[in-house]
Amino acid sequence: MRQSRNRTGIRAGVYLFTLIVLIYVIVFMGTPYVVYQPGAASEVAPMIKVENEDRDEAGTFMMTTVSASYANVALLIYSALNPNAEIARKAERLGNQSEDEYAATQVYYMSSSQSNAVEAAYKAAGILYRDVTDYLFVFSVPGDTGHKQLQPGDKILGVDGRQVADPEALSKLLSARKIGDKVSVSLERKGKKLTEDVMLVEIKDSGKKAVRPGLGVVIGAIQKVKASEPGREVSFTDTDVGGPSAGLMFTMEIYNRLTKGDLTKGYRVAGTGTIDPKGEVGPIGGVQFKIVAAERKGAEIFFVPVKNYEEAKAKADKIGAKMKLVPVSTLDQAIQYMKKLPVKP
């Protein structure tokens, strides 16, 4: 009897251990894959503030996103059965970047997209403006720099109490110091301000023999577009998404608030596409997922870059989408399309 109980206890222990291992493998263990799925179709109005704006807006402009998730086994199994999901290797997404560096790059692209949207909208609305540098942005921290006080995604607000307007100004400021000196760097990280004492490291520029002191990070300048006339400033709230593909829809919303009347005409308008300061609309990735996201949110019109149109149409036809796909290559084409529409009854 005792031997039988021991065998039962051992068998139960083996079953429990096996169950724990299976749960870990299926739920918690990572894989070298990423899963892409339809994201959201989100109204851009709450993301934007415009001084002295015209808020006559019966419809809505919506940006569309792609959901990208680093996959566990459970997600891979689900995605293999989901016609609107695609599986890709993580290495293809990240390239030679770490996950933190990739995320920081996407934030930079979003910030640049917002600046371009403001500039394009100002031009279309006939408002004079000027470009200024807002802050320096940390893309990556190479592993051989010897310090970790700085992280990808950090905003550099100042060094030793002085604002640094661009990378050249930072280099000039640091040139008066020596390698091994410490400087006080004012930062913003994930919405919180802090100060770090950072040791200057040896920097050797490509094609030059001489070395110079530097922070040991890869940085870029974030530009801000400011109206030359008072009371016409545009600002953004945190969008919590990255990448440049919301540029066109940001621009449409900003233009609508800067000008008289309601450009939406009462319609639910979604779309995607990069924007440059001249108002040129560029292609994006993942348009097939964005079509699904927009259709789920009841979009009636979808602006798509010309180069993405065929892929977008194929997906729209496949899912039986009812919305109207409108291919555009410039901001003006999108604006003129909306102006010619009758007001929705």
C-alpha atoms as a PDB file:
ATOM      1  CA  MET A   1       0.000   0.000   0.000  1.00  0.00           C
ATOM      2  CA  ARG A   2       2.795   2.415   0.975  1.00  0.00           C
ATOM      3  CA  GLN A   3       4.729   1.565  -2.212  1.00  0.00           C
ATOM      4  CA  SER A   4       1.612   2.270  -4.307  1.00  0.00           C
ATOM      5  CA  ARG A   5       1.171   5.637  -2.635  1.00  0.00           C
ATOM      6  CA  ASN A   6       4.832   6.492  -3.299  1.00  0.00           C
ATOM      7  CA  ARG A   7       4.402   5.648  -6.985  1.00  0.00           C
ATOM      8  CA  THR A   8       1.269   7.807  -7.172  1.00  0.00           C
ATOM      9  CA  GLY A   9       3.103  10.685  -5.509  1.00  0.00           C
ATOM     10  CA  ILE A  10       6.055  10.378  -7.901  1.00  0.00           C
ATOM     11  CA  ARG A  11       3.715  10.213 -10.898  1.00  0.00           C
ATOM     12  CA  ALA A  12       1.844  13.322  -9.696  1.00  0.00           C
ATOM     13  CA  GLY A  13       5.150  15.141  -9.201  1.00  0.00           C
ATOM     14  CA  VAL A  14       6.266  14.248 -12.732  1.00  0.00           C
ATOM     15  CA  TYR A  15       2.929  15.471 -14.170  1.00  0.00           C
ATOM     16  CA  LEU A  16       3.170  18.735 -12.228  1.00  0.00           C
ATOM     17  CA  PHE A  17       6.772  19.316 -13.308  1.00  0.00           C
ATOM     18  CA  THR A  18       5.856  18.589 -16.942  1.00  0.00           C
ATOM     19  CA  LEU A  19       2.925  21.015 -16.728  1.00  0.00           C
ATOM     20  CA  ILE A  20       5.145  23.753 -15.313  1.00  0.00           C
ATOM     21  CA  VAL A  21       7.703  23.231 -18.090  1.00  0.00           C
ATOM     22  CA  LEU A  22       4.978  23.340 -20.761  1.00  0.00           C
ATOM     23  CA  ILE A  23       3.498  26.547 -19.363  1.00  0.00           C
ATOM     24  CA  TYR A  24       6.953  28.148 -19.284  1.00  0.00           C
ATOM     25  CA  VAL A  25       7.758  27.094 -22.853  1.00  0.00           C
ATOM     26  CA  ILE A  26       4.380  28.157 -24.275  1.00  0.00           C
ATOM     27  CA  VAL A  27       3.824  31.393 -22.345  1.00  0.00           C
ATOM     28  CA  PHE A  28       7.099  32.748 -20.976  1.00  0.00           C
ATOM     29  CA  MET A  29       9.919  31.542 -23.206  1.00  0.00           C
ATOM     30  CA  GLY A  30      10.813  33.969 -25.972  1.00  0.00           C
ATOM     31  CA  THR A  31      11.309  33.078 -29.622  1.00  0.00           C
ATOM     32  CA  PRO A  32      13.318  34.721 -32.436  1.00  0.00           C
ATOM     33  CA  TYR A  33      10.088  35.849 -34.103  1.00  0.00           C
ATOM     34  CA  VAL A  34       7.839  38.900 -34.192  1.00  0.00           C
ATOM     35  CA  VAL A  35       4.134  38.853 -35.041  1.00  0.00           C
ATOM     36  CA  TYR A  36       2.486  41.663 -37.011  1.00  0.00           C
ATOM     37  CA  GLN A  37      -1.260  42.234 -36.708  1.00  0.00           C
ATOM     38  CA  PRO A  38      -3.756  45.052 -37.307  1.00  0.00           C
ATOM     39  CA  GLY A  39      -3.286  47.749 -34.697  1.00  0.00           C
ATOM     40  CA  ALA A  40      -5.631  50.627 -33.979  1.00  0.00           C
ATOM     41  CA  ALA A  41      -7.407  53.349 -35.929  1.00  0.00           C
ATOM     42  CA  SER A  42      -7.157  56.256 -33.502  1.00  0.00           C
ATOM     43  CA  GLU A  43      -8.567  59.765 -33.738  1.00  0.00           C
ATOM     44  CA  VAL A  44      -5.679  62.233 -33.996  1.00  0.00           C
ATOM     45  CA  ALA A  45      -7.652  65.192 -32.624  1.00  0.00           C
ATOM     46  CA  PRO A  46      -6.853  64.420 -28.941  1.00  0.00           C
ATOM     47  CA  MET A  47      -3.152  64.193 -29.817  1.00  0.00           C
ATOM     48  CA  ILE A  48      -2.866  67.734 -31.175  1.00  0.00           C
ATOM     49  CA  LYS A  49      -3.259  71.221 -29.713  1.00  0.00           C
ATOM     50  CA  VAL A  50      -3.533  74.319 -31.916  1.00  0.00           C
ATOM     51  CA  GLU A  51      -3.738  77.853 -30.547  1.00  0.00           C
ATOM     52  CA  ASN A  52      -6.827  79.827 -31.619  1.00  0.00           C
ATOM     53  CA  GLU A  53      -8.021  76.811 -33.565  1.00  0.00           C
ATOM     54  CA  ASP A  54     -11.206  76.322 -35.545  1.00  0.00           C
ATOM     55  CA  ARG A  55     -12.803  73.274 -33.875  1.00  0.00           C
ATOM     56  CA  ASP A  56     -15.665  72.971 -36.345  1.00  0.00           C
ATOM     57  CA  GLU A  57     -15.217  69.241 -36.924  1.00  0.00           C
ATOM     58  CA  ALA A  58     -18.239  66.950 -37.289  1.00  0.00           C
ATOM     59  CA  GLY A  59     -16.217  63.992 -38.572  1.00  0.00           C
ATOM     60  CA  THR A  60     -12.805  62.708 -37.619  1.00  0.00           C
ATOM     61  CA  PHE A  61      -9.317  62.066 -38.987  1.00  0.00           C
ATOM     62  CA  MET A  62      -7.762  58.790 -37.824  1.00  0.00           C
ATOM     63  CA  MET A  63      -4.213  57.460 -37.885  1.00  0.00           C
ATOM     64  CA  THR A  64      -3.730  53.712 -38.315  1.00  0.00           C
ATOM     65  CA  THR A  65      -1.093  51.504 -36.736  1.00  0.00           C
ATOM     66  CA  VAL A  66       0.427  48.042 -36.945  1.00  0.00           C
ATOM     67  CA  SER A  67       0.694  45.896 -33.824  1.00  0.00           C
ATOM     68  CA  ALA A  68       4.119  44.246 -33.537  1.00  0.00           C
ATOM     69  CA  SER A  69       4.680  41.756 -30.702  1.00  0.00           C
ATOM     70  CA  TYR A  70       7.785  39.769 -29.855  1.00  0.00           C
ATOM     71  CA  ALA A  71       6.289  36.296 -29.925  1.00  0.00           C
ATOM     72  CA  ASN A  72       6.060  33.482 -27.417  1.00  0.00           C
ATOM     73  CA  VAL A  73       4.997  30.002 -28.528  1.00  0.00           C
ATOM     74  CA  ALA A  74       1.339  30.652 -27.699  1.00  0.00           C
ATOM     75  CA  LEU A  75       1.258  33.753 -29.898  1.00  0.00           C
ATOM     76  CA  LEU A  76       2.966  31.879 -32.743  1.00  0.00           C
ATOM     77  CA  ILE A  77       0.324  29.157 -32.631  1.00  0.00           C
ATOM     78  CA  TYR A  78      -2.496  31.733 -32.574  1.00  0.00           C
ATOM     79  CA  SER A  79      -0.917  33.752 -35.397  1.00  0.00           C
ATOM     80  CA  ALA A  80      -0.531  30.694 -37.624  1.00  0.00           C
ATOM     81  CA  LEU A  81      -4.334  30.380 -37.531  1.00  0.00           C
ATOM     82  CA  ASN A  82      -5.065  34.120 -37.892  1.00  0.00           C
ATOM     83  CA  PRO A  83      -5.466  35.288 -41.535  1.00  0.00           C
ATOM     84  CA  ASN A  84      -4.701  38.878 -40.517  1.00  0.00           C
ATOM     85  CA  ALA A  85      -1.401  38.075 -38.784  1.00  0.00           C
ATOM     86  CA  GLU A  86       2.077  37.617 -40.223  1.00  0.00           C
ATOM     87  CA  ILE A  87       5.158  36.075 -38.618  1.00  0.00           C
ATOM     88  CA  ALA A  88       8.652  37.421 -39.309  1.00  0.00           C
ATOM     89  CA  ARG A  89      12.071  36.967 -37.803  1.00  0.00           C
ATOM     90  CA  LYS A  90      12.975  39.447 -35.084  1.00  0.00           C
ATOM     91  CA  ALA A  91      16.391  39.997 -36.684  1.00  0.00           C
ATOM     92  CA  GLU A  92      14.731  41.339 -39.834  1.00  0.00           C
ATOM     93  CA  ARG A  93      12.889  43.939 -37.766  1.00  0.00           C
ATOM     94  CA  LEU A  94      15.789  45.035 -35.577  1.00  0.00           C
ATOM     95  CA  GLY A  95      18.656  44.855 -38.069  1.00  0.00           C
ATOM     96  CA  ASN A  96      21.835  45.630 -36.123  1.00  0.00           C
ATOM     97  CA  GLN A  97      19.945  47.472 -33.357  1.00  0.00           C
ATOM     98  CA  SER A  98      18.972  46.316 -29.898  1.00  0.00           C
ATOM     99  CA  GLU A  99      15.288  46.378 -28.935  1.00  0.00           C
ATOM    100  CA  ASP A 100      15.861  49.600 -26.941  1.00  0.00           C
ATOM    101  CA  GLU A 101      17.686  51.245 -29.858  1.00  0.00           C
ATOM    102  CA  TYR A 102      14.950  50.229 -32.290  1.00  0.00           C
ATOM    103  CA  ALA A 103      12.265  51.653 -30.008  1.00  0.00           C
ATOM    104  CA  ALA A 104      14.241  54.908 -29.654  1.00  0.00           C
ATOM    105  CA  THR A 105      14.581  55.184 -33.434  1.00  0.00           C
ATOM    106  CA  GLN A 106      10.815  54.817 -33.842  1.00  0.00           C
ATOM    107  CA  VAL A 107      10.250  57.615 -31.318  1.00  0.00           C
ATOM    108  CA  TYR A 108      12.655  59.805 -33.300  1.00  0.00           C
ATOM    109  CA  TYR A 109      10.784  59.047 -36.521  1.00  0.00           C
ATOM    110  CA  MET A 110       7.497  60.005 -34.852  1.00  0.00           C
ATOM    111  CA  SER A 111       8.947  63.306 -33.610  1.00  0.00           C
ATOM    112  CA  SER A 112      10.329  64.112 -37.060  1.00  0.00           C
ATOM    113  CA  SER A 113       6.983  63.194 -38.599  1.00  0.00           C
ATOM    114  CA  GLN A 114       5.185  65.610 -36.278  1.00  0.00           C
ATOM    115  CA  SER A 115       7.575  68.442 -37.153  1.00  0.00           C
ATOM    116  CA  ASN A 116       7.118  67.747 -40.863  1.00  0.00           C
ATOM    117  CA  ALA A 117       3.334  67.687 -40.401  1.00  0.00           C
ATOM    118  CA  VAL A 118       3.336  71.103 -38.746  1.00  0.00           C
ATOM    119  CA  GLU A 119       5.559  72.588 -41.455  1.00  0.00           C
ATOM    120  CA  ALA A 120       3.484  71.116 -44.287  1.00  0.00           C
ATOM    121  CA  ALA A 121       0.249  72.337 -42.661  1.00  0.00           C
ATOM    122  CA  TYR A 122       1.640  75.835 -42.131  1.00  0.00           C
ATOM    123  CA  LYS A 123       2.658  75.990 -45.786  1.00  0.00           C
ATOM    124  CA  ALA A 124      -0.741  74.791 -46.984  1.00  0.00           C
ATOM    125  CA  ALA A 125      -2.523  77.283 -44.696  1.00  0.00           C
ATOM    126  CA  GLY A 126      -0.237  80.188 -45.695  1.00  0.00           C
ATOM    127  CA  ILE A 127       1.206  80.703 -42.194  1.00  0.00           C
ATOM    128  CA  LEU A 128       4.791  81.906 -41.856  1.00  0.00           C
ATOM    129  CA  TYR A 129       7.060  79.810 -39.630  1.00  0.00           C
ATOM    130  CA  ARG A 130      10.642  79.121 -38.583  1.00  0.00           C
ATOM    131  CA  ASP A 131      12.599  75.970 -37.676  1.00  0.00           C
ATOM    132  CA  VAL A 132      14.347  75.700 -34.313  1.00  0.00           C
ATOM    133  CA  THR A 133      16.147  72.823 -32.590  1.00  0.00           C
ATOM    134  CA  ASP A 134      14.099  71.536 -29.677  1.00  0.00           C
ATOM    135  CA  TYR A 135      16.519  69.073 -28.081  1.00  0.00           C
ATOM    136  CA  LEU A 136      19.115  66.380 -28.793  1.00  0.00           C
ATOM    137  CA  PHE A 137      17.965  62.772 -28.872  1.00  0.00           C
ATOM    138  CA  VAL A 138      20.020  59.685 -27.960  1.00  0.00           C
ATOM    139  CA  PHE A 139      19.703  56.900 -30.553  1.00  0.00           C
ATOM    140  CA  SER A 140      22.157  54.420 -29.102  1.00  0.00           C
ATOM    141  CA  VAL A 141      24.907  53.934 -26.539  1.00  0.00           C
ATOM    142  CA  PRO A 142      27.725  51.828 -28.041  1.00  0.00           C
ATOM    143  CA  GLY A 143      28.965  49.143 -25.691  1.00  0.00           C
ATOM    144  CA  ASP A 144      32.578  50.331 -25.642  1.00  0.00           C
ATOM    145  CA  THR A 145      31.903  53.813 -24.245  1.00  0.00           C
ATOM    146  CA  GLY A 146      32.471  52.734 -20.644  1.00  0.00           C
ATOM    147  CA  HIS A 147      29.379  54.353 -19.102  1.00  0.00           C
ATOM    148  CA  LYS A 148      25.688  53.605 -18.942  1.00  0.00           C
ATOM    149  CA  GLN A 149      24.290  56.836 -17.495  1.00  0.00           C
ATOM    150  CA  LEU A 150      22.725  57.584 -20.883  1.00  0.00           C
ATOM    151  CA  GLN A 151      20.112  55.362 -22.522  1.00  0.00           C
ATOM    152  CA  PRO A 152      18.517  55.127 -25.982  1.00  0.00           C
ATOM    153  CA  GLY A 153      15.517  57.459 -26.063  1.00  0.00           C
ATOM    154  CA  ASP A 154      16.973  60.031 -23.648  1.00  0.00           C
ATOM    155  CA  LYS A 155      16.397  63.705 -24.434  1.00  0.00           C
ATOM    156  CA  ILE A 156      19.500  65.819 -23.767  1.00  0.00           C
ATOM    157  CA  LEU A 157      18.256  69.188 -22.509  1.00  0.00           C
ATOM    158  CA  GLY A 158      21.557  70.735 -21.451  1.00  0.00           C
ATOM    159  CA  VAL A 159      25.189  70.146 -20.528  1.00  0.00           C
ATOM    160  CA  ASP A 160      26.799  71.886 -17.541  1.00  0.00           C
ATOM    161  CA  GLY A 161      23.810  74.183 -17.293  1.00  0.00           C
ATOM    162  CA  ARG A 162      23.976  75.286 -20.916  1.00  0.00           C
ATOM    163  CA  GLN A 163      21.422  74.432 -23.581  1.00  0.00           C
ATOM    164  CA  VAL A 164      22.909  72.674 -26.597  1.00  0.00           C
ATOM    165  CA  ALA A 165      21.049  73.581 -29.764  1.00  0.00           C
ATOM    166  CA  ASP A 166      22.541  70.982 -32.113  1.00  0.00           C
ATOM    167  CA  PRO A 167      25.289  68.310 -32.348  1.00  0.00           C
ATOM    168  CA  GLU A 168      27.808  70.895 -33.553  1.00  0.00           C
ATOM    169  CA  ALA A 169      27.119  73.110 -30.541  1.00  0.00           C
ATOM    170  CA  LEU A 170      27.575  70.114 -28.244  1.00  0.00           C
ATOM    171  CA  SER A 171      30.917  69.224 -29.855  1.00  0.00           C
ATOM    172  CA  LYS A 172      32.102  72.817 -29.506  1.00  0.00           C
ATOM    173  CA  LEU A 173      31.105  72.912 -25.838  1.00  0.00           C
ATOM    174  CA  LEU A 174      32.889  69.637 -25.076  1.00  0.00           C
ATOM    175  CA  SER A 175      36.018  70.570 -27.044  1.00  0.00           C
ATOM    176  CA  ALA A 176      37.100  72.771 -24.126  1.00  0.00           C
ATOM    177  CA  ARG A 177      37.144  69.677 -21.877  1.00  0.00           C
ATOM    178  CA  LYS A 178      39.475  66.692 -21.676  1.00  0.00           C
ATOM    179  CA  ILE A 179      38.853  62.983 -22.089  1.00  0.00           C
ATOM    180  CA  GLY A 180      38.098  61.629 -18.621  1.00  0.00           C
ATOM    181  CA  ASP A 181      36.471  64.862 -17.383  1.00  0.00           C
ATOM    182  CA  LYS A 182      32.924  64.642 -16.057  1.00  0.00           C
ATOM    183  CA  VAL A 183      30.092  66.856 -17.251  1.00  0.00           C
ATOM    184  CA  SER A 184      26.605  67.348 -15.820  1.00  0.00           C
ATOM    185  CA  VAL A 185      24.002  66.289 -18.383  1.00  0.00           C
ATOM    186  CA  SER A 186      20.365  67.360 -17.931  1.00  0.00           C
ATOM    187  CA  LEU A 187      18.010  64.721 -19.340  1.00  0.00           C
ATOM    188  CA  GLU A 188      14.416  63.787 -19.833  1.00  0.00           C
ATOM    189  CA  ARG A 189      13.801  60.035 -19.660  1.00  0.00           C
ATOM    190  CA  LYS A 190      10.318  58.560 -20.035  1.00  0.00           C
ATOM    191  CA  GLY A 191       8.759  61.881 -19.038  1.00  0.00           C
ATOM    192  CA  LYS A 192      10.966  62.423 -15.964  1.00  0.00           C
ATOM    193  CA  LYS A 193      13.763  64.980 -15.699  1.00  0.00           C
ATOM    194  CA  LEU A 194      17.077  63.984 -14.147  1.00  0.00           C
ATOM    195  CA  THR A 195      20.752  64.899 -14.109  1.00  0.00           C
ATOM    196  CA  GLU A 196      23.662  62.510 -14.695  1.00  0.00           C
ATOM    197  CA  ASP A 197      27.410  63.072 -14.274  1.00  0.00           C
ATOM    198  CA  VAL A 198      28.879  61.565 -17.440  1.00  0.00           C
ATOM    199  CA  MET A 199      32.569  60.901 -18.036  1.00  0.00           C
ATOM    200  CA  LEU A 200      33.808  62.088 -21.423  1.00  0.00           C
ATOM    201  CA  VAL A 201      35.268  59.366 -23.616  1.00  0.00           C
ATOM    202  CA  GLU A 202      37.526  59.300 -26.640  1.00  0.00           C
ATOM    203  CA  ILE A 203      35.748  59.977 -29.936  1.00  0.00           C
ATOM    204  CA  LYS A 204      37.442  59.423 -33.273  1.00  0.00           C
ATOM    205  CA  ASP A 205      35.612  60.815 -36.275  1.00  0.00           C
ATOM    206  CA  SER A 206      35.648  58.869 -39.533  1.00  0.00           C
ATOM    207  CA  GLY A 207      38.540  59.906 -41.774  1.00  0.00           C
ATOM    208  CA  LYS A 208      40.324  61.854 -39.040  1.00  0.00           C
ATOM    209  CA  LYS A 209      43.371  60.867 -36.986  1.00  0.00           C
ATOM    210  CA  ALA A 210      42.773  63.230 -34.092  1.00  0.00           C
ATOM    211  CA  VAL A 211      40.487  62.267 -31.231  1.00  0.00           C
ATOM    212  CA  ARG A 212      38.163  64.484 -29.242  1.00  0.00           C
ATOM    213  CA  PRO A 213      36.162  64.260 -25.992  1.00  0.00           C
ATOM    214  CA  GLY A 214      32.511  63.241 -26.286  1.00  0.00           C
ATOM    215  CA  LEU A 215      29.578  61.623 -24.518  1.00  0.00           C
ATOM    216  CA  GLY A 216      30.022  58.348 -26.381  1.00  0.00           C
ATOM    217  CA  VAL A 217      26.484  58.194 -27.739  1.00  0.00           C
ATOM    218  CA  VAL A 218      24.855  58.465 -31.151  1.00  0.00           C
ATOM    219  CA  ILE A 219      22.613  61.538 -31.181  1.00  0.00           C
ATOM    220  CA  GLY A 220      20.327  63.465 -33.507  1.00  0.00           C
ATOM    221  CA  ALA A 221      18.627  66.837 -33.342  1.00  0.00           C
ATOM    222  CA  ILE A 222      14.850  67.070 -32.959  1.00  0.00           C
ATOM    223  CA  GLN A 223      13.522  70.062 -34.880  1.00  0.00           C
ATOM    224  CA  LYS A 224      10.487  72.089 -33.859  1.00  0.00           C
ATOM    225  CA  VAL A 225       8.486  74.273 -36.223  1.00  0.00           C
ATOM    226  CA  LYS A 226       7.195  77.512 -34.694  1.00  0.00           C
ATOM    227  CA  ALA A 227       4.757  79.986 -36.207  1.00  0.00           C
ATOM    228  CA  SER A 228       6.228  83.408 -36.902  1.00  0.00           C
ATOM    229  CA  GLU A 229       2.949  85.055 -35.884  1.00  0.00           C
ATOM    230  CA  PRO A 230       1.695  84.728 -32.293  1.00  0.00           C
ATOM    231  CA  GLY A 231      -1.274  82.557 -31.382  1.00  0.00           C
ATOM    232  CA  ARG A 232      -0.786  79.891 -34.073  1.00  0.00           C
ATOM    233  CA  GLU A 233       1.456  77.394 -32.288  1.00  0.00           C
ATOM    234  CA  VAL A 234       0.934  73.640 -32.699  1.00  0.00           C
ATOM    235  CA  SER A 235       1.923  71.056 -30.084  1.00  0.00           C
ATOM    236  CA  PHE A 236       1.455  67.326 -29.567  1.00  0.00           C
ATOM    237  CA  THR A 237       0.561  65.153 -26.612  1.00  0.00           C
ATOM    238  CA  ASP A 238       2.311  61.806 -26.139  1.00  0.00           C
ATOM    239  CA  THR A 239       1.043  59.486 -28.874  1.00  0.00           C
ATOM    240  CA  ASP A 240       2.512  56.318 -27.317  1.00  0.00           C
ATOM    241  CA  VAL A 241       3.336  55.013 -30.805  1.00  0.00           C
ATOM    242  CA  GLY A 242       6.381  55.308 -33.027  1.00  0.00           C
ATOM    243  CA  GLY A 243       7.297  55.593 -36.664  1.00  0.00           C
ATOM    244  CA  PRO A 244       6.650  58.204 -39.375  1.00  0.00           C
ATOM    245  CA  SER A 245       3.508  56.825 -41.030  1.00  0.00           C
ATOM    246  CA  ALA A 246       0.969  59.073 -39.261  1.00  0.00           C
ATOM    247  CA  GLY A 247       2.403  62.152 -40.969  1.00  0.00           C
ATOM    248  CA  LEU A 248      -0.363  62.674 -43.529  1.00  0.00           C
ATOM    249  CA  MET A 249      -3.211  62.334 -41.023  1.00  0.00           C
ATOM    250  CA  PHE A 250      -1.503  64.643 -38.521  1.00  0.00           C
ATOM    251  CA  THR A 251      -1.169  67.225 -41.288  1.00  0.00           C
ATOM    252  CA  MET A 252      -4.817  66.951 -42.306  1.00  0.00           C
ATOM    253  CA  GLU A 253      -5.961  67.514 -38.723  1.00  0.00           C
ATOM    254  CA  ILE A 254      -3.624  70.475 -38.176  1.00  0.00           C
ATOM    255  CA  TYR A 255      -4.636  72.092 -41.467  1.00  0.00           C
ATOM    256  CA  ASN A 256      -8.309  71.661 -40.593  1.00  0.00           C
ATOM    257  CA  ARG A 257      -7.838  73.517 -37.312  1.00  0.00           C
ATOM    258  CA  LEU A 258      -5.717  76.281 -38.814  1.00  0.00           C
ATOM    259  CA  THR A 259      -8.312  77.093 -41.491  1.00  0.00           C
ATOM    260  CA  LYS A 260     -11.968  78.007 -41.512  1.00  0.00           C
ATOM    261  CA  GLY A 261     -14.621  75.346 -42.026  1.00  0.00           C
ATOM    262  CA  ASP A 262     -14.754  71.607 -41.492  1.00  0.00           C
ATOM    263  CA  LEU A 263     -12.526  69.623 -43.836  1.00  0.00           C
ATOM    264  CA  THR A 264     -13.913  66.310 -42.543  1.00  0.00           C
ATOM    265  CA  LYS A 265     -17.401  67.149 -43.904  1.00  0.00           C
ATOM    266  CA  GLY A 266     -18.733  64.782 -41.224  1.00  0.00           C
ATOM    267  CA  TYR A 267     -16.923  61.669 -42.521  1.00  0.00           C
ATOM    268  CA  ARG A 268     -14.790  59.143 -40.652  1.00  0.00           C
ATOM    269  CA  VAL A 269     -11.492  59.517 -42.497  1.00  0.00           C
ATOM    270  CA  ALA A 270      -8.568  57.183 -41.880  1.00  0.00           C
ATOM    271  CA  GLY A 271      -5.270  56.916 -43.672  1.00  0.00           C
ATOM    272  CA  THR A 272      -1.544  56.463 -43.617  1.00  0.00           C
ATOM    273  CA  GLY A 273       1.560  57.861 -45.277  1.00  0.00           C
ATOM    274  CA  THR A 274       4.686  59.775 -44.393  1.00  0.00           C
ATOM    275  CA  ILE A 275       4.809  63.524 -44.990  1.00  0.00           C
ATOM    276  CA  ASP A 276       7.754  65.750 -45.807  1.00  0.00           C
ATOM    277  CA  PRO A 277       7.933  69.530 -45.268  1.00  0.00           C
ATOM    278  CA  LYS A 278       6.913  70.125 -48.896  1.00  0.00           C
ATOM    279  CA  GLY A 279       3.725  68.089 -48.468  1.00  0.00           C
ATOM    280  CA  GLU A 280       4.888  65.022 -50.404  1.00  0.00           C
ATOM    281  CA  VAL A 281       3.253  61.779 -49.212  1.00  0.00           C
ATOM    282  CA  GLY A 282       5.553  58.760 -49.005  1.00  0.00           C
ATOM    283  CA  PRO A 283       4.949  54.992 -48.826  1.00  0.00           C
ATOM    284  CA  ILE A 284       4.836  53.019 -45.592  1.00  0.00           C
ATOM    285  CA  GLY A 285       5.028  49.406 -44.417  1.00  0.00           C
ATOM    286  CA  GLY A 286       2.212  47.188 -43.177  1.00  0.00           C
ATOM    287  CA  VAL A 287      -0.595  48.840 -45.145  1.00  0.00           C
ATOM    288  CA  GLN A 288      -2.525  45.536 -45.233  1.00  0.00           C
ATOM    289  CA  PHE A 289      -2.826  45.605 -41.427  1.00  0.00           C
ATOM    290  CA  LYS A 290      -3.885  49.244 -41.406  1.00  0.00           C
ATOM    291  CA  ILE A 291      -6.688  48.539 -43.865  1.00  0.00           C
ATOM    292  CA  VAL A 292      -8.128  45.994 -41.432  1.00  0.00           C
ATOM    293  CA  ALA A 293      -7.770  48.392 -38.480  1.00  0.00           C
ATOM    294  CA  ALA A 294      -9.560  51.193 -40.349  1.00  0.00           C
ATOM    295  CA  GLU A 295     -12.392  48.927 -41.520  1.00  0.00           C
ATOM    296  CA  ARG A 296     -12.958  47.709 -37.968  1.00  0.00           C
ATOM    297  CA  LYS A 297     -13.345  51.326 -36.791  1.00  0.00           C
ATOM    298  CA  GLY A 298     -15.918  52.144 -39.453  1.00  0.00           C
ATOM    299  CA  ALA A 299     -13.760  54.385 -41.651  1.00  0.00           C
ATOM    300  CA  GLU A 300     -15.574  55.634 -44.741  1.00  0.00           C
ATOM    301  CA  ILE A 301     -12.519  57.014 -46.542  1.00  0.00           C
ATOM    302  CA  PHE A 302      -8.935  55.778 -46.441  1.00  0.00           C
ATOM    303  CA  PHE A 303      -6.057  57.865 -47.819  1.00  0.00           C
ATOM    304  CA  VAL A 304      -3.210  55.656 -48.998  1.00  0.00           C
ATOM    305  CA  PRO A 305       0.139  56.540 -50.622  1.00  0.00           C
ATOM    306  CA  VAL A 306       0.106  55.855 -54.358  1.00  0.00           C
ATOM    307  CA  LYS A 307       2.905  53.280 -54.053  1.00  0.00           C
ATOM    308  CA  ASN A 308       0.894  51.322 -51.448  1.00  0.00           C
ATOM    309  CA  TYR A 309      -2.410  51.450 -53.306  1.00  0.00           C
ATOM    310  CA  GLU A 310      -2.337  48.056 -55.065  1.00  0.00           C
ATOM    311  CA  GLU A 311      -1.461  46.185 -51.865  1.00  0.00           C
ATOM    312  CA  ALA A 312      -4.076  48.147 -49.926  1.00  0.00           C
ATOM    313  CA  LYS A 313      -6.771  47.464 -52.527  1.00  0.00           C
ATOM    314  CA  ALA A 314      -5.981  43.751 -52.593  1.00  0.00           C
ATOM    315  CA  LYS A 315      -6.441  43.534 -48.827  1.00  0.00           C
ATOM    316  CA  ALA A 316      -9.573  45.710 -48.874  1.00  0.00           C
ATOM    317  CA  ASP A 317     -11.137  43.489 -51.541  1.00  0.00           C
ATOM    318  CA  LYS A 318     -10.184  40.346 -49.621  1.00  0.00           C
ATOM    319  CA  ILE A 319     -11.918  41.442 -46.422  1.00  0.00           C
ATOM    320  CA  GLY A 320     -14.858  43.061 -48.239  1.00  0.00           C
ATOM    321  CA  ALA A 321     -14.073  46.560 -46.967  1.00  0.00           C
ATOM    322  CA  LYS A 322     -16.766  49.153 -47.663  1.00  0.00           C
ATOM    323  CA  MET A 323     -14.592  52.245 -47.290  1.00  0.00           C
ATOM    324  CA  LYS A 324     -13.356  54.261 -50.253  1.00  0.00           C
ATOM    325  CA  LEU A 325      -9.613  53.966 -50.930  1.00  0.00           C
ATOM    326  CA  VAL A 326      -8.106  57.224 -52.195  1.00  0.00           C
ATOM    327  CA  PRO A 327      -4.504  57.097 -53.506  1.00  0.00           C
ATOM    328  CA  VAL A 328      -2.537  60.326 -53.003  1.00  0.00           C
ATOM    329  CA  SER A 329       1.027  61.481 -53.534  1.00  0.00           C
ATOM    330  CA  THR A 330       0.685  64.982 -52.054  1.00  0.00           C
ATOM    331  CA  LEU A 331      -1.094  66.713 -49.199  1.00  0.00           C
ATOM    332  CA  ASP A 332      -2.851  69.008 -51.659  1.00  0.00           C
ATOM    333  CA  GLN A 333      -4.472  66.032 -53.405  1.00  0.00           C
ATOM    334  CA  ALA A 334      -5.920  64.839 -50.086  1.00  0.00           C
ATOM    335  CA  ILE A 335      -7.146  68.332 -49.169  1.00  0.00           C
ATOM    336  CA  GLN A 336      -8.754  68.893 -52.571  1.00  0.00           C
ATOM    337  CA  TYR A 337     -10.488  65.504 -52.398  1.00  0.00           C
ATOM    338  CA  MET A 338     -12.063  66.411 -49.060  1.00  0.00           C
ATOM    339  CA  LYS A 339     -13.050  69.913 -50.232  1.00  0.00           C
ATOM    340  CA  LYS A 340     -14.942  68.460 -53.211  1.00  0.00           C
ATOM    341  CA  LEU A 341     -16.972  66.057 -51.088  1.00  0.00           C
ATOM    342  CA  PRO A 342     -20.532  67.007 -50.208  1.00  0.00           C
ATOM    343  CA  VAL A 343     -21.266  67.485 -46.518  1.00  0.00           C
ATOM    344  CA  LYS A 344     -22.411  64.186 -45.050  1.00  0.00           C
ATOM    345  CA  PRO A 345     -26.147  64.329 -44.340  1.00  0.00           C
END
